[in-house]
């Protein structure tokens, strides 16, 4: 049995076989459209900004100075 997936670009049903060299896309055009979206920054993986530990003064040092 051959797996059938949806083309990520247009939604067309695509057979997942070695004969389909553009899988998971249905065509070179859909693959190129997807690549273009990545290159333009249309797709982005969300990131969480972490505080830089070097920017904050450690609390222990502040307490030692007051003594």
PDB file of N, CA and C in Angstrom:
ATOM      1  N   UNK A   1       0.845  -1.182   0.000  1.00  0.00           N
ATOM      2  CA  UNK A   1       0.000   0.000   0.000  1.00  0.00           C
ATOM      3  C   UNK A   1       0.893   1.249   0.000  1.00  0.00           C
ATOM      4  N   UNK A   2       0.578   2.193  -0.843  1.00  0.00           N
ATOM      5  CA  UNK A   2       1.355   3.423  -0.977  1.00  0.00           C
ATOM      6  C   UNK A   2       0.753   4.499  -0.076  1.00  0.00           C
ATOM      7  N   UNK A   3       1.622   5.174   0.674  1.00  0.00           N
ATOM      8  CA  UNK A   3       1.160   6.263   1.539  1.00  0.00           C
ATOM      9  C   UNK A   3       0.801   7.467   0.670  1.00  0.00           C
ATOM     10  N   UNK A   4      -0.258   8.149   1.052  1.00  0.00           N
ATOM     11  CA  UNK A   4      -0.686   9.356   0.358  1.00  0.00           C
ATOM     12  C   UNK A   4      -0.657  10.499   1.367  1.00  0.00           C
ATOM     13  N   UNK A   5       0.031  11.596   0.998  1.00  0.00           N
ATOM     14  CA  UNK A   5       0.141  12.768   1.878  1.00  0.00           C
ATOM     15  C   UNK A   5      -0.379  13.994   1.137  1.00  0.00           C
ATOM     16  N   UNK A   6      -0.633  15.051   1.884  1.00  0.00           N
ATOM     17  CA  UNK A   6      -1.036  16.321   1.277  1.00  0.00           C
ATOM     18  C   UNK A   6       0.203  17.150   0.982  1.00  0.00           C
ATOM     19  N   UNK A   7       0.243  17.763  -0.192  1.00  0.00           N
ATOM     20  CA  UNK A   7       1.334  18.673  -0.532  1.00  0.00           C
ATOM     21  C   UNK A   7       1.285  19.831   0.466  1.00  0.00           C
ATOM     22  N   UNK A   8       2.396  20.133   1.132  1.00  0.00           N
ATOM     23  CA  UNK A   8       2.401  21.217   2.127  1.00  0.00           C
ATOM     24  C   UNK A   8       2.083  22.592   1.543  1.00  0.00           C
ATOM     25  N   UNK A   9       2.277  22.770   0.244  1.00  0.00           N
ATOM     26  CA  UNK A   9       2.062  24.072  -0.372  1.00  0.00           C
ATOM     27  C   UNK A   9       0.629  24.247  -0.869  1.00  0.00           C
ATOM     28  N   UNK A  10       0.144  23.278  -1.654  1.00  0.00           N
ATOM     29  CA  UNK A  10      -1.169  23.461  -2.280  1.00  0.00           C
ATOM     30  C   UNK A  10      -2.249  22.532  -1.733  1.00  0.00           C
ATOM     31  N   UNK A  11      -1.845  21.493  -0.982  1.00  0.00           N
ATOM     32  CA  UNK A  11      -2.819  20.581  -0.393  1.00  0.00           C
ATOM     33  C   UNK A  11      -3.229  19.420  -1.281  1.00  0.00           C
ATOM     34  N   UNK A  12      -2.699  19.353  -2.497  1.00  0.00           N
ATOM     35  CA  UNK A  12      -3.014  18.269  -3.417  1.00  0.00           C
ATOM     36  C   UNK A  12      -2.519  16.941  -2.842  1.00  0.00           C
ATOM     37  N   UNK A  13      -3.256  15.860  -3.080  1.00  0.00           N
ATOM     38  CA  UNK A  13      -2.854  14.526  -2.625  1.00  0.00           C
ATOM     39  C   UNK A  13      -1.646  14.066  -3.436  1.00  0.00           C
ATOM     40  N   UNK A  14      -0.643  13.532  -2.730  1.00  0.00           N
ATOM     41  CA  UNK A  14       0.604  13.106  -3.360  1.00  0.00           C
ATOM     42  C   UNK A  14       0.941  11.705  -2.873  1.00  0.00           C
ATOM     43  N   UNK A  15       1.282  10.823  -3.797  1.00  0.00           N
ATOM     44  CA  UNK A  15       1.737   9.481  -3.410  1.00  0.00           C
ATOM     45  C   UNK A  15       3.186   9.568  -2.954  1.00  0.00           C
ATOM     46  N   UNK A  16       3.487   8.961  -1.813  1.00  0.00           N
ATOM     47  CA  UNK A  16       4.837   8.968  -1.245  1.00  0.00           C
ATOM     48  C   UNK A  16       5.595   7.772  -1.810  1.00  0.00           C
ATOM     49  N   UNK A  17       6.186   7.974  -2.990  1.00  0.00           N
ATOM     50  CA  UNK A  17       6.942   6.912  -3.644  1.00  0.00           C
ATOM     51  C   UNK A  17       8.270   7.472  -4.119  1.00  0.00           C
ATOM     52  N   UNK A  18       9.208   6.582  -4.408  1.00  0.00           N
ATOM     53  CA  UNK A  18      10.506   7.019  -4.918  1.00  0.00           C
ATOM     54  C   UNK A  18      10.376   7.662  -6.289  1.00  0.00           C
ATOM     55  N   UNK A  19       9.322   7.338  -7.015  1.00  0.00           N
ATOM     56  CA  UNK A  19       9.097   7.924  -8.334  1.00  0.00           C
ATOM     57  C   UNK A  19       8.781   9.420  -8.235  1.00  0.00           C
ATOM     58  N   UNK A  20       8.263   9.861  -7.096  1.00  0.00           N
ATOM     59  CA  UNK A  20       7.959  11.280  -6.903  1.00  0.00           C
ATOM     60  C   UNK A  20       9.195  11.945  -6.301  1.00  0.00           C
ATOM     61  N   UNK A  21      10.022  12.536  -7.152  1.00  0.00           N
ATOM     62  CA  UNK A  21      11.282  13.111  -6.671  1.00  0.00           C
ATOM     63  C   UNK A  21      11.084  14.414  -5.897  1.00  0.00           C
ATOM     64  N   UNK A  22       9.866  14.978  -5.904  1.00  0.00           N
ATOM     65  CA  UNK A  22       9.610  16.219  -5.170  1.00  0.00           C
ATOM     66  C   UNK A  22       8.881  15.989  -3.859  1.00  0.00           C
ATOM     67  N   UNK A  23       8.707  14.729  -3.477  1.00  0.00           N
ATOM     68  CA  UNK A  23       7.951  14.455  -2.248  1.00  0.00           C
ATOM     69  C   UNK A  23       8.529  15.204  -1.067  1.00  0.00           C
ATOM     70  N   UNK A  24       7.793  15.763  -0.185  1.00  0.00           N
ATOM     71  CA  UNK A  24       6.347  15.643  -0.014  1.00  0.00           C
ATOM     72  C   UNK A  24       5.538  16.607  -0.888  1.00  0.00           C
ATOM     73  N   UNK A  25       6.201  17.315  -1.802  1.00  0.00           N
ATOM     74  CA  UNK A  25       5.500  18.261  -2.664  1.00  0.00           C
ATOM     75  C   UNK A  25       4.988  17.552  -3.902  1.00  0.00           C
ATOM     76  N   UNK A  26       3.985  18.152  -4.540  1.00  0.00           N
ATOM     77  CA  UNK A  26       3.411  17.530  -5.730  1.00  0.00           C
ATOM     78  C   UNK A  26       4.188  17.884  -6.989  1.00  0.00           C
ATOM     79  N   UNK A  27       4.978  18.969  -6.936  1.00  0.00           N
ATOM     80  CA  UNK A  27       5.694  19.409  -8.130  1.00  0.00           C
ATOM     81  C   UNK A  27       6.905  20.252  -7.734  1.00  0.00           C
ATOM     82  N   UNK A  28       7.744  20.518  -8.742  1.00  0.00           N
ATOM     83  CA  UNK A  28       8.902  21.382  -8.509  1.00  0.00           C
ATOM     84  C   UNK A  28       8.430  22.784  -8.136  1.00  0.00           C
ATOM     85  N   UNK A  29       7.362  23.243  -8.751  1.00  0.00           N
ATOM     86  CA  UNK A  29       6.838  24.570  -8.449  1.00  0.00           C
ATOM     87  C   UNK A  29       6.485  24.695  -6.973  1.00  0.00           C
ATOM     88  N   UNK A  30       5.764  23.719  -6.420  1.00  0.00           N
ATOM     89  CA  UNK A  30       5.383  23.778  -5.006  1.00  0.00           C
ATOM     90  C   UNK A  30       6.611  23.710  -4.103  1.00  0.00           C
ATOM     91  N   UNK A  31       7.604  22.909  -4.486  1.00  0.00           N
ATOM     92  CA  UNK A  31       8.842  22.836  -3.706  1.00  0.00           C
ATOM     93  C   UNK A  31       9.559  24.186  -3.735  1.00  0.00           C
ATOM     94  N   UNK A  32       9.592  24.832  -4.907  1.00  0.00           N
ATOM     95  CA  UNK A  32      10.247  26.138  -5.026  1.00  0.00           C
ATOM     96  C   UNK A  32       9.499  27.218  -4.257  1.00  0.00           C
ATOM     97  N   UNK A  33       8.173  27.168  -4.265  1.00  0.00           N
ATOM     98  CA  UNK A  33       7.377  28.130  -3.495  1.00  0.00           C
ATOM     99  C   UNK A  33       7.708  27.999  -2.013  1.00  0.00           C
ATOM    100  N   UNK A  34       7.811  26.769  -1.518  1.00  0.00           N
ATOM    101  CA  UNK A  34       8.135  26.536  -0.113  1.00  0.00           C
ATOM    102  C   UNK A  34       9.541  27.051   0.216  1.00  0.00           C
ATOM    103  N   UNK A  35      10.504  26.758  -0.651  1.00  0.00           N
ATOM    104  CA  UNK A  35      11.875  27.239  -0.438  1.00  0.00           C
ATOM    105  C   UNK A  35      11.908  28.765  -0.412  1.00  0.00           C
ATOM    106  N   UNK A  36      11.189  29.394  -1.316  1.00  0.00           N
ATOM    107  CA  UNK A  36      11.132  30.852  -1.360  1.00  0.00           C
ATOM    108  C   UNK A  36      10.564  31.424  -0.060  1.00  0.00           C
ATOM    109  N   UNK A  37       9.551  30.778   0.480  1.00  0.00           N
ATOM    110  CA  UNK A  37       8.972  31.251   1.752  1.00  0.00           C
ATOM    111  C   UNK A  37       9.992  31.172   2.880  1.00  0.00           C
ATOM    112  N   UNK A  38      10.778  30.096   2.914  1.00  0.00           N
ATOM    113  CA  UNK A  38      11.821  29.979   3.942  1.00  0.00           C
ATOM    114  C   UNK A  38      12.872  31.065   3.775  1.00  0.00           C
ATOM    115  N   UNK A  39      13.301  31.293   2.533  1.00  0.00           N
ATOM    116  CA  UNK A  39      14.359  32.276   2.279  1.00  0.00           C
ATOM    117  C   UNK A  39      13.913  33.702   2.567  1.00  0.00           C
ATOM    118  N   UNK A  40      12.638  34.000   2.357  1.00  0.00           N
ATOM    119  CA  UNK A  40      12.103  35.340   2.635  1.00  0.00           C
ATOM    120  C   UNK A  40      11.812  35.551   4.113  1.00  0.00           C
ATOM    121  N   UNK A  41      11.832  34.479   4.892  1.00  0.00           N
ATOM    122  CA  UNK A  41      11.542  34.596   6.312  1.00  0.00           C
ATOM    123  C   UNK A  41      10.064  34.494   6.641  1.00  0.00           C
ATOM    124  N   UNK A  42       9.267  34.030   5.673  1.00  0.00           N
ATOM    125  CA  UNK A  42       7.835  33.863   5.929  1.00  0.00           C
ATOM    126  C   UNK A  42       7.592  32.795   6.990  1.00  0.00           C
ATOM    127  N   UNK A  43       8.457  31.801   7.008  1.00  0.00           N
ATOM    128  CA  UNK A  43       8.393  30.772   8.041  1.00  0.00           C
ATOM    129  C   UNK A  43       9.440  31.136   9.086  1.00  0.00           C
ATOM    130  N   UNK A  44       9.101  30.970  10.319  1.00  0.00           N
ATOM    131  CA  UNK A  44      10.070  31.246  11.374  1.00  0.00           C
ATOM    132  C   UNK A  44       9.818  30.298  12.532  1.00  0.00           C
ATOM    133  N   UNK A  45      10.869  29.877  13.152  1.00  0.00           N
ATOM    134  CA  UNK A  45      10.770  29.035  14.334  1.00  0.00           C
ATOM    135  C   UNK A  45      10.842  29.970  15.536  1.00  0.00           C
ATOM    136  N   UNK A  46       9.791  29.995  16.356  1.00  0.00           N
ATOM    137  CA  UNK A  46       9.799  30.923  17.487  1.00  0.00           C
ATOM    138  C   UNK A  46      10.929  30.611  18.465  1.00  0.00           C
ATOM    139  N   UNK A  47      11.502  31.665  18.989  1.00  0.00           N
ATOM    140  CA  UNK A  47      12.592  31.510  19.950  1.00  0.00           C
ATOM    141  C   UNK A  47      12.261  32.300  21.206  1.00  0.00           C
ATOM    142  N   UNK A  48      12.773  31.836  22.310  1.00  0.00           N
ATOM    143  CA  UNK A  48      12.594  32.523  23.580  1.00  0.00           C
ATOM    144  C   UNK A  48      13.923  33.179  23.923  1.00  0.00           C
ATOM    145  N   UNK A  49      13.889  34.487  24.117  1.00  0.00           N
ATOM    146  CA  UNK A  49      15.103  35.213  24.485  1.00  0.00           C
ATOM    147  C   UNK A  49      15.413  34.943  25.955  1.00  0.00           C
ATOM    148  N   UNK A  50      16.600  34.485  26.235  1.00  0.00           N
ATOM    149  CA  UNK A  50      17.028  34.228  27.603  1.00  0.00           C
ATOM    150  C   UNK A  50      17.851  35.410  28.092  1.00  0.00           C
ATOM    151  N   UNK A  51      17.732  35.709  29.363  1.00  0.00           N
ATOM    152  CA  UNK A  51      18.534  36.775  29.955  1.00  0.00           C
ATOM    153  C   UNK A  51      19.996  36.365  29.965  1.00  0.00           C
ATOM    154  N   UNK A  52      20.856  37.315  29.686  1.00  0.00           N
ATOM    155  CA  UNK A  52      22.288  37.057  29.715  1.00  0.00           C
ATOM    156  C   UNK A  52      22.737  37.115  31.175  1.00  0.00           C
ATOM    157  N   UNK A  53      23.268  36.025  31.719  1.00  0.00           N
ATOM    158  CA  UNK A  53      23.660  36.026  33.136  1.00  0.00           C
ATOM    159  C   UNK A  53      24.768  37.026  33.451  1.00  0.00           C
ATOM    160  N   UNK A  54      25.533  37.440  32.462  1.00  0.00           N
ATOM    161  CA  UNK A  54      26.605  38.415  32.706  1.00  0.00           C
ATOM    162  C   UNK A  54      26.061  39.829  32.897  1.00  0.00           C
ATOM    163  N   UNK A  55      24.851  40.091  32.436  1.00  0.00           N
ATOM    164  CA  UNK A  55      24.256  41.426  32.558  1.00  0.00           C
ATOM    165  C   UNK A  55      23.749  41.716  33.966  1.00  0.00           C
ATOM    166  N   UNK A  56      23.333  40.718  34.679  1.00  0.00           N
ATOM    167  CA  UNK A  56      22.759  40.919  36.013  1.00  0.00           C
ATOM    168  C   UNK A  56      23.844  40.743  37.074  1.00  0.00           C
ATOM    169  N   UNK A  57      23.824  41.637  38.061  1.00  0.00           N
ATOM    170  CA  UNK A  57      24.770  41.515  39.171  1.00  0.00           C
ATOM    171  C   UNK A  57      24.265  40.448  40.135  1.00  0.00           C
ATOM    172  N   UNK A  58      25.094  39.527  40.538  1.00  0.00           N
ATOM    173  CA  UNK A  58      24.657  38.501  41.491  1.00  0.00           C
ATOM    174  C   UNK A  58      24.238  39.136  42.815  1.00  0.00           C
ATOM    175  N   UNK A  59      23.180  38.638  43.403  1.00  0.00           N
ATOM    176  CA  UNK A  59      22.658  39.190  44.650  1.00  0.00           C
ATOM    177  C   UNK A  59      23.646  39.005  45.802  1.00  0.00           C
ATOM    178  N   UNK A  60      24.378  37.909  45.816  1.00  0.00           N
ATOM    179  CA  UNK A  60      25.328  37.645  46.903  1.00  0.00           C
ATOM    180  C   UNK A  60      26.424  38.709  46.952  1.00  0.00           C
ATOM    181  N   UNK A  61      26.888  39.164  45.784  1.00  0.00           N
ATOM    182  CA  UNK A  61      27.938  40.177  45.762  1.00  0.00           C
ATOM    183  C   UNK A  61      27.436  41.486  46.344  1.00  0.00           C
ATOM    184  N   UNK A  62      26.186  41.851  46.036  1.00  0.00           N
ATOM    185  CA  UNK A  62      25.616  43.085  46.571  1.00  0.00           C
ATOM    186  C   UNK A  62      25.554  43.032  48.102  1.00  0.00           C
ATOM    187  N   UNK A  63      25.207  41.908  48.638  1.00  0.00           N
ATOM    188  CA  UNK A  63      25.102  41.779  50.095  1.00  0.00           C
ATOM    189  C   UNK A  63      26.471  41.827  50.768  1.00  0.00           C
ATOM    190  N   UNK A  64      27.481  41.243  50.128  1.00  0.00           N
ATOM    191  CA  UNK A  64      28.818  41.265  50.693  1.00  0.00           C
ATOM    192  C   UNK A  64      29.369  42.688  50.751  1.00  0.00           C
ATOM    193  N   UNK A  65      29.048  43.517  49.790  1.00  0.00           N
ATOM    194  CA  UNK A  65      29.562  44.877  49.747  1.00  0.00           C
ATOM    195  C   UNK A  65      28.980  45.706  50.903  1.00  0.00           C
ATOM    196  N   UNK A  66      27.763  45.487  51.290  1.00  0.00           N
ATOM    197  CA  UNK A  66      27.107  46.263  52.326  1.00  0.00           C
ATOM    198  C   UNK A  66      27.640  45.941  53.725  1.00  0.00           C
ATOM    199  N   UNK A  67      28.290  44.831  53.895  1.00  0.00           N
ATOM    200  CA  UNK A  67      28.740  44.411  55.235  1.00  0.00           C
ATOM    201  C   UNK A  67      29.938  45.150  55.673  1.00  0.00           C
TER     202      UNK A  67
END
